[in-house]
């Protein structure tokens, strides 16, 4: 397994899209659910999922250092239990979870089919498994994987076939950046954004560049969770969405 993490403490161009995926995942959680957040990283996603009332979150990661940090950073959130976990051999009995969330994980595991089999084992009948992963047609359009941390990436059809082998129903959405919907007044925002993220200028502290952008346009330089949307139409998702977001049911 290769490791690539988004750290809660740093603001990056990817912060908004990561948070958006967890917010969308939380829509499938009901009061009282037992939830697994697999590959929890720095723990911010488990915290988002725990906002649904009376839930119990088991947040797992294979990296002991990540779990140690999470236990310290989120000790105030008593609804989350952070544990070292191997995705291919989960320490839970059959039909234990109502919802499993594992975002940007499947592309990192050579034995990803074992992970999916474990998800199928530990999720309850009728339960929900949510998985997101890059759309290879956007992230690596020539078929050669660009990200050195990814062992594989998938097309829409490949992901659908892999998930349907394990789950009764699979709905796949595409996540897309929608800050600039094509309106004429967004032209100035895009130009300013490109300038502030350009080589040389981007060496300036983010707070400085963000302050300039906010003073002109009243919003963050980097995308926020509000700047992304899920699209259900297959052809559109395949051609335009950089991340595939799958909602599976046992």
Protein backbone atom coordinates (compact mmCIF):
# COMPACT_ATOMS: atom_id res chain seq x y z
CA UNK A 1 0.00 0.00 0.00
CA UNK A 2 1.29 3.46 -0.87
CA UNK A 3 0.58 6.41 1.41
CA UNK A 4 -0.77 9.81 0.42
CA UNK A 5 -2.53 11.95 3.02
CA UNK A 6 -4.44 15.15 3.34
CA UNK A 7 -3.46 16.78 6.63
CA UNK A 8 -6.17 18.58 8.54
CA UNK A 9 -3.81 21.29 9.79
CA UNK A 10 -2.83 22.60 6.36
CA UNK A 11 -4.99 24.49 3.87
CA UNK A 12 -4.33 23.26 0.33
CA UNK A 13 -6.01 23.42 -3.07
CA UNK A 14 -7.54 20.02 -2.22
CA UNK A 15 -8.98 20.80 1.22
CA UNK A 16 -12.41 21.78 -0.12
CA UNK A 17 -12.91 18.72 -2.28
CA UNK A 18 -11.91 16.33 0.53
CA UNK A 19 -14.34 17.98 2.95
CA UNK A 20 -17.10 17.99 0.31
CA UNK A 21 -16.81 14.21 -0.10
CA UNK A 22 -17.21 13.67 3.64
CA UNK A 23 -20.17 16.05 3.80
CA UNK A 24 -21.83 14.10 0.98
CA UNK A 25 -21.05 10.83 2.76
CA UNK A 26 -22.69 12.10 5.95
CA UNK A 27 -25.99 12.41 4.07
CA UNK A 28 -26.28 8.62 4.16
CA UNK A 29 -25.86 8.39 7.93
CA UNK A 30 -28.85 8.15 10.26
CA UNK A 31 -29.10 8.83 13.96
CA UNK A 32 -27.71 5.91 15.95
CA UNK A 33 -25.68 4.39 13.10
CA UNK A 34 -22.39 2.58 13.64
CA UNK A 35 -19.87 3.80 11.07
CA UNK A 36 -16.44 2.82 9.81
CA UNK A 37 -14.15 5.51 8.35
CA UNK A 38 -11.41 3.42 6.76
CA UNK A 39 -8.12 5.16 5.91
CA UNK A 40 -9.06 8.02 8.22
CA UNK A 41 -5.72 9.81 7.86
CA UNK A 42 -5.66 12.88 10.08
CA UNK A 43 -9.20 12.30 11.36
CA UNK A 44 -11.04 15.38 10.11
CA UNK A 45 -13.43 13.24 8.07
CA UNK A 46 -14.41 11.08 11.03
CA UNK A 47 -15.20 14.29 12.90
CA UNK A 48 -17.51 15.41 10.08
CA UNK A 49 -19.30 12.04 10.06
CA UNK A 50 -19.76 12.16 13.83
CA UNK A 51 -21.94 15.29 13.61
CA UNK A 52 -24.98 13.08 13.04
CA UNK A 53 -26.60 12.54 16.44
CA UNK A 54 -25.86 9.49 18.56
CA UNK A 55 -23.47 7.83 16.12
CA UNK A 56 -20.45 5.68 16.92
CA UNK A 57 -17.48 6.09 14.60
CA UNK A 58 -14.65 3.60 14.26
CA UNK A 59 -11.86 5.37 12.39
CA UNK A 60 -9.06 3.17 11.12
CA UNK A 61 -5.71 3.65 9.45
CA UNK A 62 -2.76 1.32 8.86
CA UNK A 63 -0.25 3.97 9.97
CA UNK A 64 0.34 3.88 13.75
CA UNK A 65 1.68 7.45 13.72
CA UNK A 66 -1.53 8.72 12.11
CA UNK A 67 -3.66 7.00 14.76
CA UNK A 68 -1.50 8.37 17.58
CA UNK A 69 -1.92 11.88 16.18
CA UNK A 70 -5.67 11.44 15.73
CA UNK A 71 -6.17 10.30 19.31
CA UNK A 72 -4.47 13.48 20.47
CA UNK A 73 -6.05 15.91 18.00
CA UNK A 74 -9.61 14.60 18.42
CA UNK A 75 -9.62 13.45 22.04
CA UNK A 76 -12.51 15.82 22.75
CA UNK A 77 -14.75 13.87 20.34
CA UNK A 78 -15.77 10.84 22.40
CA UNK A 79 -17.95 9.37 19.66
CA UNK A 80 -14.85 8.42 17.62
CA UNK A 81 -12.60 5.45 18.34
CA UNK A 82 -9.31 5.63 16.44
CA UNK A 83 -7.69 2.25 15.81
CA UNK A 84 -4.86 0.81 13.72
CA UNK A 85 -6.51 -1.27 10.99
CA UNK A 86 -5.56 -3.30 7.95
CA UNK A 87 -8.23 -2.81 5.30
CA UNK A 88 -7.81 -6.39 4.05
CA UNK A 89 -8.39 -7.94 7.51
CA UNK A 90 -10.80 -5.89 9.60
CA UNK A 91 -11.14 -6.69 13.33
CA UNK A 92 -14.94 -6.69 13.40
CA UNK A 93 -17.63 -9.34 13.39
CA UNK A 94 -19.90 -9.87 10.39
CA UNK A 95 -22.66 -7.31 9.75
CA UNK A 96 -21.26 -4.85 12.30
CA UNK A 97 -21.59 -1.50 10.49
CA UNK A 98 -24.52 0.48 9.14
CA UNK A 99 -22.28 2.66 6.95
CA UNK A 100 -18.70 2.31 5.72
CA UNK A 101 -16.86 5.28 4.27
CA UNK A 102 -13.50 4.86 2.54
CA UNK A 103 -12.50 7.85 0.45
CA UNK A 104 -9.48 7.92 -1.86
CA UNK A 105 -8.32 4.51 -0.62
CA UNK A 106 -8.98 1.88 -3.27
CA UNK A 107 -6.39 3.35 -5.65
CA UNK A 108 -3.65 2.77 -3.05
CA UNK A 109 -4.17 -0.95 -2.35
CA UNK A 110 -2.85 -3.72 -4.55
CA UNK A 111 -5.22 -6.10 -2.73
CA UNK A 112 -8.23 -3.82 -3.13
CA UNK A 113 -10.55 -6.74 -3.87
CA UNK A 114 -9.78 -8.14 -0.42
CA UNK A 115 -10.71 -4.78 1.06
CA UNK A 116 -14.04 -4.78 -0.78
CA UNK A 117 -14.71 -8.33 0.37
CA UNK A 118 -14.09 -7.24 3.95
CA UNK A 119 -16.45 -4.30 3.50
CA UNK A 120 -19.10 -6.71 2.24
CA UNK A 121 -18.56 -8.92 5.27
CA UNK A 122 -18.71 -6.27 8.01
CA UNK A 123 -21.52 -4.10 6.62
CA UNK A 124 -25.09 -4.97 7.63
CA UNK A 125 -27.60 -6.30 5.08
CA UNK A 126 -29.06 -3.20 3.47
CA UNK A 127 -26.12 -1.15 4.75
CA UNK A 128 -24.20 1.45 2.74
CA UNK A 129 -20.58 1.50 1.57
CA UNK A 130 -19.23 4.75 0.13
CA UNK A 131 -16.02 4.78 -1.92
CA UNK A 132 -14.37 7.57 -3.89
CA UNK A 133 -11.43 7.34 -6.27
CA UNK A 134 -9.90 9.34 -9.14
CA UNK A 135 -11.44 9.05 -12.60
CA UNK A 136 -8.50 7.77 -14.67
CA UNK A 137 -9.85 9.47 -17.81
CA UNK A 138 -9.25 12.83 -16.10
CA UNK A 139 -6.38 12.10 -13.68
CA UNK A 140 -4.29 9.99 -16.07
CA UNK A 141 -5.86 10.52 -19.50
CA UNK A 142 -3.29 8.54 -21.51
CA UNK A 143 -3.72 5.51 -19.26
CA UNK A 144 -0.34 5.88 -17.56
CA UNK A 145 -0.92 6.66 -13.88
CA UNK A 146 0.65 10.01 -13.01
CA UNK A 147 0.31 9.94 -9.22
CA UNK A 148 3.24 7.92 -7.78
CA UNK A 149 1.16 6.96 -4.73
CA UNK A 150 -1.50 5.15 -6.78
CA UNK A 151 -1.15 1.47 -7.60
CA UNK A 152 -4.14 1.62 -9.97
CA UNK A 153 -6.91 3.93 -11.12
CA UNK A 154 -10.26 3.10 -12.73
CA UNK A 155 -12.66 4.15 -15.44
CA UNK A 156 -16.33 4.53 -14.58
CA UNK A 157 -17.12 1.10 -16.07
CA UNK A 158 -14.21 -0.63 -14.35
CA UNK A 159 -15.18 0.76 -10.96
CA UNK A 160 -18.82 -0.18 -11.54
CA UNK A 161 -17.92 -3.78 -12.44
CA UNK A 162 -15.58 -4.19 -9.45
CA UNK A 163 -18.15 -2.89 -6.98
CA UNK A 164 -21.11 -4.80 -8.45
CA UNK A 165 -19.18 -8.02 -7.91
CA UNK A 166 -19.53 -7.39 -4.16
CA UNK A 167 -22.63 -5.24 -3.65
CA UNK A 168 -26.28 -5.55 -4.68
CA UNK A 169 -26.63 -1.99 -5.96
CA UNK A 170 -24.06 0.61 -7.01
CA UNK A 171 -24.72 4.26 -7.86
CA UNK A 172 -21.74 6.23 -9.16
CA UNK A 173 -21.57 10.02 -9.19
CA UNK A 174 -18.91 12.36 -10.49
CA UNK A 175 -17.46 15.11 -8.30
CA UNK A 176 -16.76 18.34 -10.18
CA UNK A 177 -15.34 21.74 -9.35
CA UNK A 178 -18.12 24.27 -10.04
CA UNK A 179 -16.85 27.60 -8.72
CA UNK A 180 -16.86 29.03 -12.25
CA UNK A 181 -20.09 28.06 -14.02
CA UNK A 182 -19.28 30.02 -17.16
CA UNK A 183 -20.84 33.34 -16.21
CA UNK A 184 -19.10 36.42 -17.56
CA UNK A 185 -18.38 37.95 -14.13
CA UNK A 186 -16.37 34.86 -13.10
CA UNK A 187 -13.67 35.73 -15.65
CA UNK A 188 -11.97 38.20 -13.30
CA UNK A 189 -12.02 35.68 -10.43
CA UNK A 190 -10.40 33.03 -12.57
CA UNK A 191 -7.72 35.41 -13.81
CA UNK A 192 -6.94 36.55 -10.27
CA UNK A 193 -6.87 32.96 -9.03
CA UNK A 194 -4.47 31.91 -11.78
CA UNK A 195 -2.23 34.87 -11.00
CA UNK A 196 -2.08 34.17 -7.26
CA UNK A 197 -1.33 30.49 -7.88
CA UNK A 198 1.28 31.16 -10.57
CA UNK A 199 4.90 30.11 -10.17
CA UNK A 200 6.86 32.67 -8.19
CA UNK A 201 3.82 34.40 -6.70
CA UNK A 202 2.67 31.18 -5.07
CA UNK A 203 5.86 31.27 -2.97
CA UNK A 204 4.23 34.07 -1.00
CA UNK A 205 2.47 32.88 2.18
CA UNK A 206 -0.99 31.49 1.46
CA UNK A 207 -2.52 33.85 4.03
CA UNK A 208 -1.21 36.84 2.08
CA UNK A 209 -2.51 35.59 -1.27
CA UNK A 210 -5.82 34.54 0.25
CA UNK A 211 -6.25 37.94 1.85
CA UNK A 212 -5.82 39.62 -1.55
CA UNK A 213 -8.36 37.30 -3.18
CA UNK A 214 -10.88 37.67 -0.35
CA UNK A 215 -10.59 41.46 -0.42
CA UNK A 216 -11.66 41.49 -4.08
CA UNK A 217 -14.18 38.67 -4.22
CA UNK A 218 -15.22 37.85 -0.65
CA UNK A 219 -14.26 34.17 -0.84
CA UNK A 220 -11.27 31.91 -0.27
CA UNK A 221 -8.54 31.62 -2.88
CA UNK A 222 -8.57 27.84 -2.62
CA UNK A 223 -11.84 26.02 -3.34
CA UNK A 224 -14.10 25.33 -0.37
CA UNK A 225 -16.53 22.45 0.04
CA UNK A 226 -19.22 24.68 -1.51
CA UNK A 227 -17.29 24.81 -4.79
CA UNK A 228 -17.94 21.15 -5.66
CA UNK A 229 -20.98 19.19 -6.75
CA UNK A 230 -21.91 15.57 -7.46
CA UNK A 231 -23.38 14.67 -10.86
CA UNK A 232 -25.31 11.46 -11.51
CA UNK A 233 -25.34 11.39 -15.32
CA UNK A 234 -22.87 8.69 -16.45
CA UNK A 235 -21.59 10.30 -19.64
CA UNK A 236 -21.07 13.65 -17.95
CA UNK A 237 -19.25 12.07 -15.00
CA UNK A 238 -16.97 10.07 -17.28
CA UNK A 239 -15.94 13.07 -19.36
CA UNK A 240 -15.94 15.93 -16.87
CA UNK A 241 -15.51 14.76 -13.26
CA UNK A 242 -12.09 14.18 -11.75
CA UNK A 243 -13.34 11.96 -8.91
CA UNK A 244 -15.86 9.09 -8.95
CA UNK A 245 -18.05 8.79 -5.84
CA UNK A 246 -19.76 5.42 -5.45
CA UNK A 247 -22.65 4.62 -3.11
CA UNK A 248 -23.01 0.85 -2.72
CA UNK A 249 -25.60 -1.16 -0.83
CA UNK A 250 -25.30 -4.72 0.44
